Amino acid sequence: MKHLLGVIGQPRAMLEELLQLSDSFAEVNARAIPKVPALRGRTVATLFFEDSTRTRLSFETAAKRLSADTLSFSVSSSSVKKGETLRDTALTLQAMRIDAIVVRHASSGAPWQLARWLDCSVINAGDGWHEHPTQALLDCYTLRRHFGSLDGLRIAIVGDIKHSRVARSDVWAFTALGAEVTLVAPRTLLPPSLEGWPVQVSEDLDRVLGSSDVVYLLRMQRERQHEALVPSLREYTARFGLTRDRAERLADRAVVLHPGPMNRGVEIAPEVADLDRCLVLDQVANGVTVRMAVLYKLLAGSAADPHDAVGDEAWGPIRSGGSDG
């Protein structure tokens, strides 16, 4: 495994391997000093052509906790502003002996193109409307730790499916791990074709709410409003927002996820966002854990033993069959 470009089409075994590896690094992150020398001497560069807080900082934190060196590329202060191409930018970084590039780009397929040009590992941190594989992995890991397994879970993904790379990756990852997924959105916020998507579709959030174990809310992208895809944000909230009244109708064990940043008062009511059943901060914490596992898997090699990476202190309870938490 040299690159992580997407989860669509990946077998269940690969996803489960990364989730199990994440358990080892969850133990590391629980330590007083959450750092191990697993990737000492390696260098990870973050190459973000779109704004990001959670994903970029999460990858940088993960790399540093594995003792890798990090480089953060800023488009606003780079030669891209002078007309430098993506290929030349990436080759410049590789010439500095980079071991992995974490890339976010507005163009779908950009990470695949980089993987053709470069010898180092490439990790997709979001490409256009296409995929966001590590977000899907951290979402799966969050649900796995909470429920024990995704098998049989009923997951409603609500909101702007059409423009969401998170939704595309999550649909594949959730269903590959045994969950049942329903997309809930107005027709204007659905892709033109859902052929091949292993999902059900509903335009009525209230009908699926009570039977859902997980309500995954997508950010209503305000920058898309000039397309007039919904009459108004107020109407969207009335039909598809997780209001306080709707939250009260959720099953007792149901949880709420959101990839962030949240538009409080649009897709989720402020008081609902602060409920214990809202696992948004768990997702953020688990993002570091999962990205540590991804970096370790790519850069340490398939022959590496996670026991050597995290030490006996962390490995003991996992080796003996400890729970996911």
Protein backbone atom coordinates (compact mmCIF):
# COMPACT_ATOMS: atom_id res chain seq x y z
CA MET A 1 0.00 0.00 0.00
CA LYS A 2 1.82 3.08 -1.27
CA HIS A 3 -0.99 5.65 -1.61
CA LEU A 4 -4.40 6.36 -0.10
CA LEU A 5 -6.35 7.97 -2.92
CA GLY A 6 -9.88 6.81 -2.12
CA VAL A 7 -12.06 4.24 -0.39
CA ILE A 8 -14.53 3.67 -3.23
CA GLY A 9 -13.93 0.14 -4.46
CA GLN A 10 -11.69 -0.84 -1.54
CA PRO A 11 -12.51 -4.20 0.06
CA ARG A 12 -13.85 -4.52 3.57
CA ALA A 13 -10.64 -6.25 4.68
CA MET A 14 -8.52 -3.19 3.86
CA LEU A 15 -10.84 -0.84 5.75
CA GLU A 16 -10.92 -3.14 8.77
CA GLU A 17 -7.13 -3.45 8.75
CA LEU A 18 -6.75 0.34 9.00
CA LEU A 19 -9.40 0.56 11.73
CA GLN A 20 -7.69 -2.17 13.75
CA LEU A 21 -4.33 -0.45 13.31
CA SER A 22 -5.96 2.75 14.58
CA ASP A 23 -6.66 1.00 17.90
CA SER A 24 -2.91 0.89 18.54
CA PHE A 25 -2.54 4.61 18.01
CA ALA A 26 -5.60 5.41 20.12
CA GLU A 27 -3.58 4.02 23.01
CA VAL A 28 -0.68 6.31 22.10
CA ASN A 29 -2.96 9.36 22.05
CA ALA A 30 -4.22 8.47 25.53
CA ARG A 31 -0.72 8.73 27.01
CA ALA A 32 0.55 11.71 28.98
CA ILE A 33 3.14 12.23 26.24
CA PRO A 34 1.39 11.07 23.04
CA LYS A 35 4.44 10.53 20.88
CA VAL A 36 6.33 7.54 19.47
CA PRO A 37 9.41 7.34 17.19
CA ALA A 38 7.70 5.23 14.53
CA LEU A 39 8.39 7.60 11.61
CA ARG A 40 11.53 9.34 12.84
CA GLY A 41 13.53 10.54 9.84
CA ARG A 42 10.48 10.68 7.54
CA THR A 43 9.02 13.92 6.17
CA VAL A 44 5.34 14.60 5.50
CA ALA A 45 4.20 17.65 3.52
CA THR A 46 0.66 19.04 3.54
CA LEU A 47 -0.25 20.51 0.15
CA PHE A 48 -3.61 22.25 0.53
CA PHE A 49 -5.03 24.27 -2.35
CA GLU A 50 -8.30 24.78 -0.43
CA ASP A 51 -8.89 26.16 3.05
CA SER A 52 -8.88 23.65 5.87
CA THR A 53 -8.61 23.60 9.64
CA ARG A 54 -9.47 20.12 10.88
CA THR A 55 -7.93 17.99 8.16
CA ARG A 56 -4.66 19.89 7.78
CA LEU A 57 -4.02 20.25 11.52
CA SER A 58 -5.07 16.65 12.09
CA PHE A 59 -2.53 15.32 9.57
CA GLU A 60 0.21 17.57 10.92
CA THR A 61 -0.53 16.48 14.49
CA ALA A 62 -0.58 12.82 13.45
CA ALA A 63 2.78 13.13 11.69
CA LYS A 64 4.39 14.89 14.65
CA ARG A 65 3.10 12.29 17.12
CA LEU A 66 4.83 9.68 14.96
CA SER A 67 8.02 11.80 15.15
CA ALA A 68 7.98 12.65 11.44
CA ASP A 69 9.14 16.06 10.22
CA THR A 70 6.40 18.20 8.65
CA LEU A 71 6.21 20.85 5.96
CA SER A 72 3.08 22.96 5.46
CA PHE A 73 2.55 24.40 1.97
CA SER A 74 0.61 27.66 1.78
CA VAL A 75 -0.83 28.52 -1.62
CA SER A 76 -1.24 32.20 -0.75
CA SER A 77 2.51 32.63 -0.25
CA SER A 78 3.78 30.17 -2.86
CA SER A 79 4.88 30.25 -6.48
CA VAL A 80 1.43 29.04 -7.47
CA LYS A 81 0.46 32.71 -7.33
CA LYS A 82 3.13 33.31 -9.98
CA GLY A 83 1.73 30.64 -12.30
CA GLU A 84 3.59 27.52 -11.18
CA THR A 85 1.77 24.32 -12.14
CA LEU A 86 0.62 21.59 -9.77
CA ARG A 87 3.15 19.21 -11.29
CA ASP A 88 6.08 21.57 -10.82
CA THR A 89 5.02 22.38 -7.27
CA ALA A 90 4.81 18.69 -6.38
CA LEU A 91 8.13 17.85 -8.05
CA THR A 92 9.78 20.71 -6.17
CA LEU A 93 8.60 19.24 -2.88
CA GLN A 94 9.70 15.74 -3.88
CA ALA A 95 13.17 17.10 -4.70
CA MET A 96 13.41 18.00 -1.01
CA ARG A 97 13.16 14.24 -0.27
CA ILE A 98 9.58 14.25 0.95
CA ASP A 99 8.25 10.82 1.90
CA ALA A 100 4.53 11.63 1.72
CA ILE A 101 2.37 14.43 0.36
CA VAL A 102 -1.10 15.06 1.80
CA VAL A 103 -3.04 16.94 -0.87
CA ARG A 104 -6.36 18.78 -0.97
CA HIS A 105 -7.40 20.24 -4.31
CA ALA A 106 -10.53 21.68 -5.86
CA SER A 107 -10.12 19.50 -8.96
CA SER A 108 -11.42 15.94 -8.76
CA GLY A 109 -8.67 13.47 -9.61
CA ALA A 110 -5.73 15.70 -8.65
CA PRO A 111 -4.32 13.18 -6.11
CA TRP A 112 -4.41 10.40 -8.75
CA GLN A 113 -2.42 12.60 -11.13
CA LEU A 114 0.14 13.36 -8.43
CA ALA A 115 0.52 9.64 -7.75
CA ARG A 116 1.48 9.17 -11.43
CA TRP A 117 4.08 11.94 -11.31
CA LEU A 118 5.70 11.30 -7.93
CA ASP A 119 7.69 8.54 -6.30
CA CYS A 120 6.57 9.45 -2.77
CA SER A 121 3.29 8.41 -1.14
CA VAL A 122 0.22 10.51 -1.91
CA ILE A 123 -2.74 10.84 0.47
CA ASN A 124 -6.00 12.34 -0.72
CA ALA A 125 -7.27 14.91 1.80
CA GLY A 126 -10.22 15.84 -0.41
CA ASP A 127 -10.47 16.31 -4.17
CA GLY A 128 -13.28 18.39 -5.61
CA TRP A 129 -16.66 16.75 -5.13
CA HIS A 130 -15.09 13.31 -5.45
CA GLU A 131 -13.63 11.71 -2.31
CA HIS A 132 -12.35 12.33 1.21
CA PRO A 133 -11.06 8.91 2.29
CA THR A 134 -9.60 9.71 5.71
CA GLN A 135 -12.83 11.46 6.73
CA ALA A 136 -14.70 8.26 5.88
CA LEU A 137 -12.20 6.19 7.87
CA LEU A 138 -12.44 8.40 10.95
CA ASP A 139 -16.25 8.35 10.71
CA CYS A 140 -16.20 4.56 10.58
CA TYR A 141 -13.77 4.45 13.48
CA THR A 142 -15.96 6.77 15.55
CA LEU A 143 -19.01 4.55 15.00
CA ARG A 144 -17.00 1.38 15.59
CA ARG A 145 -15.78 2.65 18.95
CA HIS A 146 -19.29 3.74 19.93
CA PHE A 147 -21.35 0.77 18.70
CA GLY A 148 -18.68 -1.96 18.49
CA SER A 149 -19.46 -2.64 14.82
CA LEU A 150 -21.12 -1.04 11.81
CA ASP A 151 -22.90 -4.26 10.84
CA GLY A 152 -26.63 -3.59 10.64
CA LEU A 153 -26.44 0.10 11.57
CA ARG A 154 -29.02 2.28 9.86
CA ILE A 155 -27.35 5.52 8.82
CA ALA A 156 -29.12 8.57 7.39
CA ILE A 157 -26.84 11.00 5.52
CA VAL A 158 -28.67 14.30 5.34
CA GLY A 159 -28.04 17.39 3.25
CA ASP A 160 -26.02 18.50 0.25
CA ILE A 161 -25.09 15.12 -1.21
CA LYS A 162 -24.47 16.57 -4.67
CA HIS A 163 -21.42 18.63 -3.69
CA SER A 164 -20.13 16.39 -0.89
CA ARG A 165 -16.95 14.35 -1.24
CA VAL A 166 -17.56 13.22 2.35
CA ALA A 167 -20.89 11.66 1.38
CA ARG A 168 -19.36 9.73 -1.51
CA SER A 169 -16.58 8.23 0.58
CA ASP A 170 -18.85 7.59 3.56
CA VAL A 171 -21.48 5.75 1.51
CA TRP A 172 -18.91 3.27 0.27
CA ALA A 173 -17.11 2.83 3.60
CA PHE A 174 -20.31 2.50 5.67
CA THR A 175 -21.90 -0.05 3.32
CA ALA A 176 -18.65 -1.99 2.87
CA LEU A 177 -18.59 -2.44 6.66
CA GLY A 178 -22.18 -3.68 6.79
CA ALA A 179 -24.31 -0.57 7.41
CA GLU A 180 -27.51 0.39 5.61
CA VAL A 181 -27.43 3.95 4.23
CA THR A 182 -30.29 6.27 3.33
CA LEU A 183 -29.62 9.58 1.62
CA VAL A 184 -32.00 12.33 2.75
CA ALA A 185 -32.09 15.48 0.64
CA PRO A 186 -34.21 17.49 -1.78
CA ARG A 187 -33.80 16.37 -5.38
CA THR A 188 -31.80 19.51 -6.18
CA LEU A 189 -29.11 18.43 -3.70
CA LEU A 190 -28.75 14.89 -5.04
CA PRO A 191 -26.31 13.85 -7.80
CA PRO A 192 -27.81 13.67 -11.30
CA SER A 193 -27.48 9.88 -11.15
CA LEU A 194 -27.28 7.48 -8.22
CA GLU A 195 -26.72 4.43 -10.41
CA GLY A 196 -24.40 2.06 -8.59
CA TRP A 197 -24.82 3.76 -5.22
CA PRO A 198 -25.76 1.09 -2.60
CA VAL A 199 -28.28 3.37 -0.90
CA GLN A 200 -31.93 4.19 -0.42
CA VAL A 201 -33.16 7.74 -0.98
CA SER A 202 -35.77 9.81 0.86
CA GLU A 203 -36.93 13.43 0.73
CA ASP A 204 -38.62 13.16 4.13
CA LEU A 205 -36.28 13.40 7.12
CA ASP A 206 -39.10 12.89 9.60
CA ARG A 207 -39.93 9.47 8.10
CA VAL A 208 -36.43 8.06 8.56
CA LEU A 209 -35.49 9.84 11.78
CA GLY A 210 -36.99 7.41 14.30
CA SER A 211 -35.49 4.31 12.67
CA SER A 212 -31.97 5.70 12.27
CA ASP A 213 -29.08 4.71 14.52
CA VAL A 214 -26.91 7.47 13.06
CA VAL A 215 -27.88 10.84 11.62
CA TYR A 216 -24.96 12.20 9.61
CA LEU A 217 -25.50 15.88 8.83
CA LEU A 218 -23.63 17.49 5.96
CA ARG A 219 -22.71 21.15 5.91
CA MET A 220 -25.13 23.24 3.91
CA GLN A 221 -22.63 24.99 1.69
CA ARG A 222 -23.56 28.67 1.66
CA GLU A 223 -21.26 29.26 -1.29
CA ARG A 224 -23.64 27.15 -3.40
CA GLN A 225 -26.67 29.31 -2.68
CA HIS A 226 -26.20 31.41 -5.81
CA GLU A 227 -27.26 28.28 -7.69
CA ALA A 228 -30.73 28.55 -6.08
CA LEU A 229 -30.72 24.84 -5.20
CA VAL A 230 -33.06 25.50 -2.26
CA PRO A 231 -35.56 28.36 -1.89
CA SER A 232 -33.88 29.62 1.29
CA LEU A 233 -31.79 28.42 4.21
CA ARG A 234 -34.82 28.89 6.47
CA GLU A 235 -36.88 26.50 4.37
CA TYR A 236 -34.01 24.03 4.23
CA THR A 237 -33.78 24.05 8.04
CA ALA A 238 -37.53 23.56 8.34
CA ARG A 239 -37.42 20.43 6.15
CA PHE A 240 -33.96 18.96 6.71
CA GLY A 241 -32.43 20.58 9.79
CA LEU A 242 -31.93 18.61 12.99
CA THR A 243 -33.98 20.88 15.21
CA ARG A 244 -34.51 20.38 18.91
CA ASP A 245 -37.94 18.83 18.26
CA ARG A 246 -36.49 16.36 15.77
CA ALA A 247 -33.63 15.48 18.11
CA GLU A 248 -36.16 14.56 20.79
CA ARG A 249 -37.66 11.99 18.41
CA LEU A 250 -34.37 10.17 17.86
CA ALA A 251 -34.02 6.66 19.24
CA ASP A 252 -32.32 6.48 22.63
CA ARG A 253 -29.13 4.99 21.20
CA ALA A 254 -28.97 7.20 18.09
CA VAL A 255 -25.97 9.48 17.59
CA VAL A 256 -25.29 12.53 15.44
CA LEU A 257 -22.21 13.08 13.27
CA HIS A 258 -21.04 16.08 11.25
CA PRO A 259 -17.78 16.53 9.29
CA GLY A 260 -17.51 20.20 10.27
CA PRO A 261 -17.53 23.06 10.22
CA MET A 262 -21.10 23.17 11.51
CA ASN A 263 -23.56 25.85 10.48
CA ARG A 264 -25.37 26.12 13.79
CA GLY A 265 -28.98 27.06 13.19
CA VAL A 266 -28.99 25.68 9.64
CA GLU A 267 -28.35 21.94 9.45
CA ILE A 268 -28.22 21.56 13.24
CA ALA A 269 -29.74 23.53 16.09
CA PRO A 270 -27.16 25.03 18.49
CA GLU A 271 -28.53 23.13 21.49
CA VAL A 272 -28.50 19.83 19.55
CA ALA A 273 -24.86 20.34 18.59
CA ASP A 274 -23.99 20.41 22.30
CA LEU A 275 -25.81 17.19 23.24
CA ASP A 276 -23.84 14.15 24.41
CA ARG A 277 -25.22 12.17 21.49
CA CYS A 278 -23.47 14.57 19.08
CA LEU A 279 -20.05 12.98 18.47
CA VAL A 280 -18.42 15.80 16.49
CA LEU A 281 -15.50 16.27 18.90
CA ASP A 282 -15.01 12.50 19.00
CA GLN A 283 -14.66 12.64 15.23
CA VAL A 284 -11.95 15.30 15.54
CA ALA A 285 -10.00 13.30 18.13
CA ASN A 286 -10.37 10.08 16.16
CA GLY A 287 -9.17 11.90 13.04
CA VAL A 288 -5.69 12.20 14.54
CA THR A 289 -5.71 8.52 15.51
CA VAL A 290 -6.82 7.28 12.09
CA ARG A 291 -4.38 9.53 10.23
CA MET A 292 -1.55 8.22 12.40
CA ALA A 293 -2.54 4.73 11.28
CA VAL A 294 -2.65 5.77 7.62
CA LEU A 295 0.75 7.45 7.73
CA TYR A 296 2.27 4.50 9.55
CA LYS A 297 0.78 2.01 7.09
CA LEU A 298 2.10 3.91 4.09
CA LEU A 299 5.52 4.93 5.38
CA ALA A 300 6.55 2.12 7.71
CA GLY A 301 5.66 -0.61 5.21
CA SER A 302 3.44 -3.68 5.37
CA ALA A 303 6.14 -5.72 7.09
CA ALA A 304 6.35 -3.33 10.03
CA ASP A 305 4.97 -4.48 13.37
CA PRO A 306 2.71 -1.95 15.13
CA HIS A 307 4.05 -3.41 18.40
CA ASP A 308 7.41 -1.83 17.56
CA ALA A 309 5.74 1.49 16.74
CA VAL A 310 3.71 1.98 19.91
CA GLY A 311 5.50 -0.09 22.55
CA ASP A 312 4.21 -2.57 25.14
CA GLU A 313 2.41 0.10 27.15
CA ALA A 314 -0.08 0.64 24.34
CA TRP A 315 -0.02 -2.78 22.70
CA GLY A 316 -0.79 -4.91 25.75
CA PRO A 317 -4.58 -4.48 26.05
CA ILE A 318 -5.05 -4.63 22.28
CA ARG A 319 -3.03 -7.81 21.86
CA SER A 320 -5.09 -9.43 24.60
CA GLY A 321 -8.36 -8.52 22.90
CA GLY A 322 -9.33 -5.30 24.65
CA SER A 323 -12.56 -3.57 23.66
CA ASP A 324 -12.86 -0.64 21.28
CA GLY A 325 -14.15 1.59 24.01
